[in-house]
Amino acid sequence: MRLNNMNLLLKTFSLIALLFLSGIGVSGCGSQVQIKAKSKAEGVYLQGVYALTDEDYLTATERFRTVKTKYLFSPFAALAELRLGDTAFAQARYYEAIETFRLFIQSRPNHAEVPYAYWKIASAYNAQRPSNFFLLPPTHERDRGPTKDALRALQDFIDRYPKHDKEAKAKKLIKACRLELGEYELYVARFYSNAKKWKAAQGRYEMLIERFKDQPELWRVGAEELVKVYLALKLDDQAQKLKERLKPSL
């Protein structure tokens, strides 16, 4: 009998919540926990979820792999694949998590949890963005690769699922990624400007105000500094035109 995948997922977490609140259906402790279930596949799967919520990642991985391989035709096999990705993600093994979720999408393109897999891929890329830890250089001075990857994955998620309940969060993260990338362009433009390499500075500032119109504060700062670069290059007409564009935001 074909089961509704979303109902299975909801059932999983409602069961786990019940287990923690009342202990119903559980005997033993740690990796030996026993959970009452309607099938062996479901029981092993729920043991894995229990281990995952208990941060027992070794047991969780073993249980999910067992369901995936031993109960291949059970609806819980697909959910076990997802939970393997979640287990890798929980351990900050982001590359492994991304590959696991991608494989799930490729092998089960019509599964109800494909949107979840895309969201977790985006989240894994986002988790690899440089942090703002105060002992490290500012994020805009470090590798932009992870930020660009996160931006692409988040935008792909929104393009595919514009009405998903994670849309607002994805848009907020996209804005943060674009701000980081824009701050990097400003950083490079200022480097050239401070070195009086005016033509190079002009190119970077122009790129900044063209590509980051969605970041109004950053755009304004870049435009104001570009005016000074135009004047240094004796491009008075361009400087005046940009000043006119700046007037509404003054």
C-alpha atoms as a PDB file:
ATOM      1  CA  MET A   1       0.000   0.000   0.000  1.00  0.00           C
ATOM      2  CA  ARG A   2       1.323   3.392  -0.976  1.00  0.00           C
ATOM      3  CA  LEU A   3       1.727   5.719   2.041  1.00  0.00           C
ATOM      4  CA  ASN A   4       1.660   9.464   2.092  1.00  0.00           C
ATOM      5  CA  ASN A   5       5.281  10.567   2.562  1.00  0.00           C
ATOM      6  CA  MET A   6       4.443  13.792   4.319  1.00  0.00           C
ATOM      7  CA  ASN A   7       2.278  11.952   6.831  1.00  0.00           C
ATOM      8  CA  LEU A   8       5.167   9.587   7.473  1.00  0.00           C
ATOM      9  CA  LEU A   9       7.502  12.475   8.172  1.00  0.00           C
ATOM     10  CA  LEU A  10       5.033  14.175  10.495  1.00  0.00           C
ATOM     11  CA  LYS A  11       4.395  10.889  12.229  1.00  0.00           C
ATOM     12  CA  THR A  12       8.107  10.441  12.813  1.00  0.00           C
ATOM     13  CA  PHE A  13       8.602  13.693  14.644  1.00  0.00           C
ATOM     14  CA  SER A  14       5.328  13.547  16.540  1.00  0.00           C
ATOM     15  CA  LEU A  15       6.323  10.084  17.748  1.00  0.00           C
ATOM     16  CA  ILE A  16       9.725  11.325  18.843  1.00  0.00           C
ATOM     17  CA  ALA A  17       8.129  14.226  20.701  1.00  0.00           C
ATOM     18  CA  LEU A  18       5.840  11.769  22.437  1.00  0.00           C
ATOM     19  CA  LEU A  19       8.770   9.549  23.334  1.00  0.00           C
ATOM     20  CA  PHE A  20      10.606  12.380  25.011  1.00  0.00           C
ATOM     21  CA  LEU A  21       7.546  13.659  26.849  1.00  0.00           C
ATOM     22  CA  SER A  22       6.195  10.399  28.174  1.00  0.00           C
ATOM     23  CA  GLY A  23       8.499   7.516  27.306  1.00  0.00           C
ATOM     24  CA  ILE A  24       5.595   5.646  25.692  1.00  0.00           C
ATOM     25  CA  GLY A  25       6.740   2.819  23.435  1.00  0.00           C
ATOM     26  CA  VAL A  26      10.375   2.953  24.564  1.00  0.00           C
ATOM     27  CA  SER A  27      12.378   0.469  26.534  1.00  0.00           C
ATOM     28  CA  GLY A  28      16.103   0.255  27.168  1.00  0.00           C
ATOM     29  CA  CYS A  29      18.491   3.169  26.830  1.00  0.00           C
ATOM     30  CA  GLY A  30      21.062   4.672  24.489  1.00  0.00           C
ATOM     31  CA  SER A  31      21.712   2.689  21.308  1.00  0.00           C
ATOM     32  CA  GLN A  32      19.582  -0.198  22.627  1.00  0.00           C
ATOM     33  CA  VAL A  33      16.326   1.768  22.687  1.00  0.00           C
ATOM     34  CA  GLN A  34      13.318  -0.270  21.536  1.00  0.00           C
ATOM     35  CA  ILE A  35      10.389   1.483  19.879  1.00  0.00           C
ATOM     36  CA  LYS A  36       7.008  -0.044  19.140  1.00  0.00           C
ATOM     37  CA  ALA A  37       6.201   0.207  15.445  1.00  0.00           C
ATOM     38  CA  LYS A  38       3.934  -1.346  12.833  1.00  0.00           C
ATOM     39  CA  SER A  39       6.836  -2.781  10.855  1.00  0.00           C
ATOM     40  CA  LYS A  40      10.495  -3.637  11.327  1.00  0.00           C
ATOM     41  CA  ALA A  41      11.474  -0.924   8.857  1.00  0.00           C
ATOM     42  CA  GLU A  42       9.564   1.689  10.823  1.00  0.00           C
ATOM     43  CA  GLY A  43      11.017   0.482  14.113  1.00  0.00           C
ATOM     44  CA  VAL A  44      14.633   0.654  12.951  1.00  0.00           C
ATOM     45  CA  TYR A  45      13.981   4.008  11.299  1.00  0.00           C
ATOM     46  CA  LEU A  46      12.508   5.481  14.483  1.00  0.00           C
ATOM     47  CA  GLN A  47      15.449   4.145  16.470  1.00  0.00           C
ATOM     48  CA  GLY A  48      17.648   6.116  14.092  1.00  0.00           C
ATOM     49  CA  VAL A  49      15.607   9.278  14.549  1.00  0.00           C
ATOM     50  CA  TYR A  50      15.730   8.821  18.320  1.00  0.00           C
ATOM     51  CA  ALA A  51      19.528   8.458  18.144  1.00  0.00           C
ATOM     52  CA  LEU A  52      19.800  11.514  15.906  1.00  0.00           C
ATOM     53  CA  THR A  53      17.802  13.676  18.315  1.00  0.00           C
ATOM     54  CA  ASP A  54      20.012  12.327  21.118  1.00  0.00           C
ATOM     55  CA  GLU A  55      23.138  13.311  19.116  1.00  0.00           C
ATOM     56  CA  ASP A  56      24.206   9.673  18.935  1.00  0.00           C
ATOM     57  CA  TYR A  57      25.306  10.050  15.330  1.00  0.00           C
ATOM     58  CA  LEU A  58      27.086   6.714  15.021  1.00  0.00           C
ATOM     59  CA  THR A  59      23.954   4.780  15.984  1.00  0.00           C
ATOM     60  CA  ALA A  60      21.744   7.031  13.872  1.00  0.00           C
ATOM     61  CA  THR A  61      23.894   6.443  10.806  1.00  0.00           C
ATOM     62  CA  GLU A  62      23.914   2.684  11.341  1.00  0.00           C
ATOM     63  CA  ARG A  63      20.120   2.533  11.753  1.00  0.00           C
ATOM     64  CA  PHE A  64      19.379   4.675   8.709  1.00  0.00           C
ATOM     65  CA  ARG A  65      21.788   2.691   6.546  1.00  0.00           C
ATOM     66  CA  THR A  66      20.131  -0.519   7.671  1.00  0.00           C
ATOM     67  CA  VAL A  67      16.699   0.766   6.624  1.00  0.00           C
ATOM     68  CA  LYS A  68      18.058   2.053   3.335  1.00  0.00           C
ATOM     69  CA  THR A  69      19.661  -1.260   2.356  1.00  0.00           C
ATOM     70  CA  LYS A  70      17.657  -3.952   4.153  1.00  0.00           C
ATOM     71  CA  TYR A  71      14.190  -2.491   3.630  1.00  0.00           C
ATOM     72  CA  LEU A  72      14.731  -1.077   0.173  1.00  0.00           C
ATOM     73  CA  PHE A  73      11.068  -1.165  -0.863  1.00  0.00           C
ATOM     74  CA  SER A  74       9.685   0.313   2.348  1.00  0.00           C
ATOM     75  CA  PRO A  75       8.527   3.956   2.349  1.00  0.00           C
ATOM     76  CA  PHE A  76      10.914   4.412   5.260  1.00  0.00           C
ATOM     77  CA  ALA A  77      13.908   3.732   3.007  1.00  0.00           C
ATOM     78  CA  ALA A  78      13.493   7.132   1.357  1.00  0.00           C
ATOM     79  CA  LEU A  79      13.084   8.862   4.709  1.00  0.00           C
ATOM     80  CA  ALA A  80      16.202   7.083   5.977  1.00  0.00           C
ATOM     81  CA  GLU A  81      18.140   8.552   3.048  1.00  0.00           C
ATOM     82  CA  LEU A  82      17.024  12.018   4.076  1.00  0.00           C
ATOM     83  CA  ARG A  83      17.939  11.407   7.690  1.00  0.00           C
ATOM     84  CA  LEU A  84      21.426  10.305   6.630  1.00  0.00           C
ATOM     85  CA  GLY A  85      21.785  13.765   5.126  1.00  0.00           C
ATOM     86  CA  ASP A  86      20.471  15.316   8.323  1.00  0.00           C
ATOM     87  CA  THR A  87      22.942  13.275  10.371  1.00  0.00           C
ATOM     88  CA  ALA A  88      25.875  14.477   8.271  1.00  0.00           C
ATOM     89  CA  PHE A  89      24.584  18.061   8.491  1.00  0.00           C
ATOM     90  CA  ALA A  90      24.301  17.840  12.291  1.00  0.00           C
ATOM     91  CA  GLN A  91      27.993  16.912  12.436  1.00  0.00           C
ATOM     92  CA  ALA A  92      28.964  19.842  10.180  1.00  0.00           C
ATOM     93  CA  ARG A  93      29.946  17.383   7.436  1.00  0.00           C
ATOM     94  CA  TYR A  94      28.398  19.686   4.900  1.00  0.00           C
ATOM     95  CA  TYR A  95      29.950  18.290   1.731  1.00  0.00           C
ATOM     96  CA  GLU A  96      28.702  14.815   2.627  1.00  0.00           C
ATOM     97  CA  ALA A  97      25.255  16.211   3.484  1.00  0.00           C
ATOM     98  CA  ILE A  98      25.020  18.044   0.150  1.00  0.00           C
ATOM     99  CA  GLU A  99      25.968  14.931  -1.807  1.00  0.00           C
ATOM    100  CA  THR A 100      23.466  12.824   0.161  1.00  0.00           C
ATOM    101  CA  PHE A 101      20.595  15.221  -0.501  1.00  0.00           C
ATOM    102  CA  ARG A 102      21.571  15.545  -4.170  1.00  0.00           C
ATOM    103  CA  LEU A 103      21.552  11.780  -4.573  1.00  0.00           C
ATOM    104  CA  PHE A 104      18.107  11.674  -2.971  1.00  0.00           C
ATOM    105  CA  ILE A 105      16.808  14.249  -5.484  1.00  0.00           C
ATOM    106  CA  GLN A 106      18.333  12.384  -8.422  1.00  0.00           C
ATOM    107  CA  SER A 107      17.036   8.979  -7.380  1.00  0.00           C
ATOM    108  CA  ARG A 108      13.613  10.114  -6.128  1.00  0.00           C
ATOM    109  CA  PRO A 109      12.694  13.212  -8.188  1.00  0.00           C
ATOM    110  CA  ASN A 110       8.957  12.850  -7.485  1.00  0.00           C
ATOM    111  CA  HIS A 111       9.192  12.302  -3.752  1.00  0.00           C
ATOM    112  CA  ALA A 112       7.228  14.695  -1.558  1.00  0.00           C
ATOM    113  CA  GLU A 113      10.377  15.607   0.379  1.00  0.00           C
ATOM    114  CA  VAL A 114      12.418  16.826  -2.605  1.00  0.00           C
ATOM    115  CA  PRO A 115      11.801  20.486  -1.603  1.00  0.00           C
ATOM    116  CA  TYR A 116      13.179  19.665   1.846  1.00  0.00           C
ATOM    117  CA  ALA A 117      16.305  18.200   0.231  1.00  0.00           C
ATOM    118  CA  TYR A 118      16.826  21.358  -1.843  1.00  0.00           C
ATOM    119  CA  TRP A 119      16.423  23.490   1.278  1.00  0.00           C
ATOM    120  CA  LYS A 120      18.976  21.418   3.183  1.00  0.00           C
ATOM    121  CA  ILE A 121      21.446  21.721   0.306  1.00  0.00           C
ATOM    122  CA  ALA A 122      21.085  25.500   0.424  1.00  0.00           C
ATOM    123  CA  SER A 123      21.398  25.450   4.212  1.00  0.00           C
ATOM    124  CA  ALA A 124      24.576  23.361   4.017  1.00  0.00           C
ATOM    125  CA  TYR A 125      26.182  25.812   1.613  1.00  0.00           C
ATOM    126  CA  ASN A 126      25.062  28.718   3.763  1.00  0.00           C
ATOM    127  CA  ALA A 127      26.582  27.100   6.865  1.00  0.00           C
ATOM    128  CA  GLN A 128      29.989  27.225   5.153  1.00  0.00           C
ATOM    129  CA  ARG A 129      29.974  30.995   4.690  1.00  0.00           C
ATOM    130  CA  PRO A 130      32.743  32.825   6.595  1.00  0.00           C
ATOM    131  CA  SER A 131      31.710  33.813  10.112  1.00  0.00           C
ATOM    132  CA  ASN A 132      32.096  37.259  11.674  1.00  0.00           C
ATOM    133  CA  PHE A 133      34.198  35.971  14.576  1.00  0.00           C
ATOM    134  CA  PHE A 134      35.985  39.048  15.914  1.00  0.00           C
ATOM    135  CA  LEU A 135      39.487  37.512  15.857  1.00  0.00           C
ATOM    136  CA  LEU A 136      39.237  36.808  12.124  1.00  0.00           C
ATOM    137  CA  PRO A 137      39.447  39.294   9.226  1.00  0.00           C
ATOM    138  CA  PRO A 138      36.070  40.734   8.118  1.00  0.00           C
ATOM    139  CA  THR A 139      34.060  38.339   5.970  1.00  0.00           C
ATOM    140  CA  HIS A 140      34.447  40.521   2.878  1.00  0.00           C
ATOM    141  CA  GLU A 141      38.244  40.101   3.076  1.00  0.00           C
ATOM    142  CA  ARG A 142      38.040  36.296   2.978  1.00  0.00           C
ATOM    143  CA  ASP A 143      37.175  33.663   0.379  1.00  0.00           C
ATOM    144  CA  ARG A 144      33.921  34.506  -1.409  1.00  0.00           C
ATOM    145  CA  GLY A 145      33.523  31.013  -2.883  1.00  0.00           C
ATOM    146  CA  PRO A 146      31.267  29.619  -0.121  1.00  0.00           C
ATOM    147  CA  THR A 147      29.132  32.769  -0.178  1.00  0.00           C
ATOM    148  CA  LYS A 148      28.667  32.521  -3.943  1.00  0.00           C
ATOM    149  CA  ASP A 149      27.765  28.835  -3.631  1.00  0.00           C
ATOM    150  CA  ALA A 150      25.229  29.636  -0.908  1.00  0.00           C
ATOM    151  CA  LEU A 151      23.721  32.422  -2.996  1.00  0.00           C
ATOM    152  CA  ARG A 152      23.285  30.147  -6.017  1.00  0.00           C
ATOM    153  CA  ALA A 153      21.727  27.351  -3.951  1.00  0.00           C
ATOM    154  CA  LEU A 154      19.361  29.689  -2.103  1.00  0.00           C
ATOM    155  CA  GLN A 155      18.250  31.370  -5.317  1.00  0.00           C
ATOM    156  CA  ASP A 156      17.719  27.967  -6.937  1.00  0.00           C
ATOM    157  CA  PHE A 157      15.538  26.948  -3.997  1.00  0.00           C
ATOM    158  CA  ILE A 158      13.374  30.086  -4.268  1.00  0.00           C
ATOM    159  CA  ASP A 159      13.086  29.745  -8.046  1.00  0.00           C
ATOM    160  CA  ARG A 160      11.847  26.171  -7.652  1.00  0.00           C
ATOM    161  CA  TYR A 161       9.587  26.704  -4.638  1.00  0.00           C
ATOM    162  CA  PRO A 162       8.498  30.369  -4.479  1.00  0.00           C
ATOM    163  CA  LYS A 163       5.675  29.634  -2.038  1.00  0.00           C
ATOM    164  CA  HIS A 164       7.586  27.346   0.312  1.00  0.00           C
ATOM    165  CA  ASP A 165       7.372  28.100   4.040  1.00  0.00           C
ATOM    166  CA  LYS A 166      11.160  28.693   4.010  1.00  0.00           C
ATOM    167  CA  GLU A 167      10.899  31.386   1.320  1.00  0.00           C
ATOM    168  CA  ALA A 168      11.174  34.333   3.743  1.00  0.00           C
ATOM    169  CA  LYS A 169      14.215  32.847   5.453  1.00  0.00           C
ATOM    170  CA  ALA A 170      15.835  32.074   2.102  1.00  0.00           C
ATOM    171  CA  LYS A 171      15.325  35.660   0.940  1.00  0.00           C
ATOM    172  CA  LYS A 172      16.857  36.975   4.155  1.00  0.00           C
ATOM    173  CA  LEU A 173      19.914  34.779   3.644  1.00  0.00           C
ATOM    174  CA  ILE A 174      20.179  35.849   0.006  1.00  0.00           C
ATOM    175  CA  LYS A 175      20.226  39.472   1.117  1.00  0.00           C
ATOM    176  CA  ALA A 176      23.022  38.695   3.590  1.00  0.00           C
ATOM    177  CA  CYS A 177      25.035  36.894   0.893  1.00  0.00           C
ATOM    178  CA  ARG A 178      24.666  39.750  -1.546  1.00  0.00           C
ATOM    179  CA  LEU A 179      25.687  42.251   1.110  1.00  0.00           C
ATOM    180  CA  GLU A 180      28.880  40.281   1.748  1.00  0.00           C
ATOM    181  CA  LEU A 181      29.696  40.139  -1.951  1.00  0.00           C
ATOM    182  CA  GLY A 182      28.944  43.837  -2.356  1.00  0.00           C
ATOM    183  CA  GLU A 183      31.175  44.701   0.600  1.00  0.00           C
ATOM    184  CA  TYR A 184      33.973  42.796  -1.079  1.00  0.00           C
ATOM    185  CA  GLU A 185      33.584  44.861  -4.259  1.00  0.00           C
ATOM    186  CA  LEU A 186      33.712  48.021  -2.149  1.00  0.00           C
ATOM    187  CA  TYR A 187      36.811  46.728  -0.361  1.00  0.00           C
ATOM    188  CA  VAL A 188      38.625  46.135  -3.680  1.00  0.00           C
ATOM    189  CA  ALA A 189      37.470  49.459  -5.129  1.00  0.00           C
ATOM    190  CA  ARG A 190      38.830  51.302  -2.085  1.00  0.00           C
ATOM    191  CA  PHE A 191      42.115  49.420  -2.363  1.00  0.00           C
ATOM    192  CA  TYR A 192      42.626  50.775  -5.886  1.00  0.00           C
ATOM    193  CA  SER A 193      41.367  54.221  -4.933  1.00  0.00           C
ATOM    194  CA  ASN A 194      43.763  54.500  -1.981  1.00  0.00           C
ATOM    195  CA  ALA A 195      46.606  53.456  -4.301  1.00  0.00           C
ATOM    196  CA  LYS A 196      45.454  56.179  -6.737  1.00  0.00           C
ATOM    197  CA  LYS A 197      44.915  53.596  -9.449  1.00  0.00           C
ATOM    198  CA  TRP A 198      41.932  55.541 -10.659  1.00  0.00           C
ATOM    199  CA  LYS A 199      40.953  53.546 -13.753  1.00  0.00           C
ATOM    200  CA  ALA A 200      40.966  50.269 -11.834  1.00  0.00           C
ATOM    201  CA  ALA A 201      38.984  51.907  -9.030  1.00  0.00           C
ATOM    202  CA  GLN A 202      36.497  53.284 -11.557  1.00  0.00           C
ATOM    203  CA  GLY A 203      35.834  49.809 -12.927  1.00  0.00           C
ATOM    204  CA  ARG A 204      35.218  48.265  -9.506  1.00  0.00           C
ATOM    205  CA  TYR A 205      32.993  51.098  -8.281  1.00  0.00           C
ATOM    206  CA  GLU A 206      30.944  51.014 -11.474  1.00  0.00           C
ATOM    207  CA  MET A 207      30.539  47.266 -11.093  1.00  0.00           C
ATOM    208  CA  LEU A 208      29.397  47.796  -7.517  1.00  0.00           C
ATOM    209  CA  ILE A 209      26.685  50.346  -8.275  1.00  0.00           C
ATOM    210  CA  GLU A 210      25.474  48.382 -11.298  1.00  0.00           C
ATOM    211  CA  ARG A 211      25.212  44.965  -9.653  1.00  0.00           C
ATOM    212  CA  PHE A 212      24.146  45.875  -6.134  1.00  0.00           C
ATOM    213  CA  LYS A 213      21.210  48.214  -6.578  1.00  0.00           C
ATOM    214  CA  ASP A 214      19.286  45.989  -4.191  1.00  0.00           C
ATOM    215  CA  GLN A 215      21.640  47.094  -1.379  1.00  0.00           C
ATOM    216  CA  PRO A 216      20.722  50.799  -1.053  1.00  0.00           C
ATOM    217  CA  GLU A 217      23.201  51.754   1.683  1.00  0.00           C
ATOM    218  CA  LEU A 218      26.072  50.016  -0.063  1.00  0.00           C
ATOM    219  CA  TRP A 219      25.031  51.536  -3.385  1.00  0.00           C
ATOM    220  CA  ARG A 220      24.989  55.039  -1.901  1.00  0.00           C
ATOM    221  CA  VAL A 221      28.457  54.684  -0.347  1.00  0.00           C
ATOM    222  CA  GLY A 222      29.870  53.287  -3.563  1.00  0.00           C
ATOM    223  CA  ALA A 223      28.281  56.018  -5.672  1.00  0.00           C
ATOM    224  CA  GLU A 224      29.591  58.797  -3.422  1.00  0.00           C
ATOM    225  CA  GLU A 225      33.112  57.406  -3.633  1.00  0.00           C
ATOM    226  CA  LEU A 226      32.817  56.901  -7.384  1.00  0.00           C
ATOM    227  CA  VAL A 227      32.053  60.613  -7.780  1.00  0.00           C
ATOM    228  CA  LYS A 228      35.464  61.374  -6.240  1.00  0.00           C
ATOM    229  CA  VAL A 229      37.125  58.907  -8.597  1.00  0.00           C
ATOM    230  CA  TYR A 230      35.431  60.545 -11.611  1.00  0.00           C
ATOM    231  CA  LEU A 231      36.682  63.923 -10.460  1.00  0.00           C
ATOM    232  CA  ALA A 232      40.214  62.551 -10.039  1.00  0.00           C
ATOM    233  CA  LEU A 233      40.015  61.315 -13.638  1.00  0.00           C
ATOM    234  CA  LYS A 234      38.605  64.681 -14.750  1.00  0.00           C
ATOM    235  CA  LEU A 235      35.373  63.000 -15.858  1.00  0.00           C
ATOM    236  CA  ASP A 236      33.308  65.958 -14.713  1.00  0.00           C
ATOM    237  CA  ASP A 237      30.185  65.132 -16.748  1.00  0.00           C
ATOM    238  CA  GLN A 238      29.977  61.611 -15.330  1.00  0.00           C
ATOM    239  CA  ALA A 239      30.572  62.932 -11.837  1.00  0.00           C
ATOM    240  CA  GLN A 240      27.728  65.433 -12.220  1.00  0.00           C
ATOM    241  CA  LYS A 241      25.303  62.826 -13.565  1.00  0.00           C
ATOM    242  CA  LEU A 242      26.038  60.527 -10.649  1.00  0.00           C
ATOM    243  CA  LYS A 243      25.574  63.410  -8.211  1.00  0.00           C
ATOM    244  CA  GLU A 244      22.117  63.912  -9.677  1.00  0.00           C
ATOM    245  CA  ARG A 245      21.288  60.257  -9.108  1.00  0.00           C
ATOM    246  CA  LEU A 246      22.436  60.606  -5.508  1.00  0.00           C
ATOM    247  CA  LYS A 247      20.211  63.569  -4.674  1.00  0.00           C
ATOM    248  CA  PRO A 248      17.046  61.583  -3.768  1.00  0.00           C
ATOM    249  CA  SER A 249      18.998  59.478  -1.271  1.00  0.00           C
ATOM    250  CA  LEU A 250      20.749  62.396   0.441  1.00  0.00           C
END
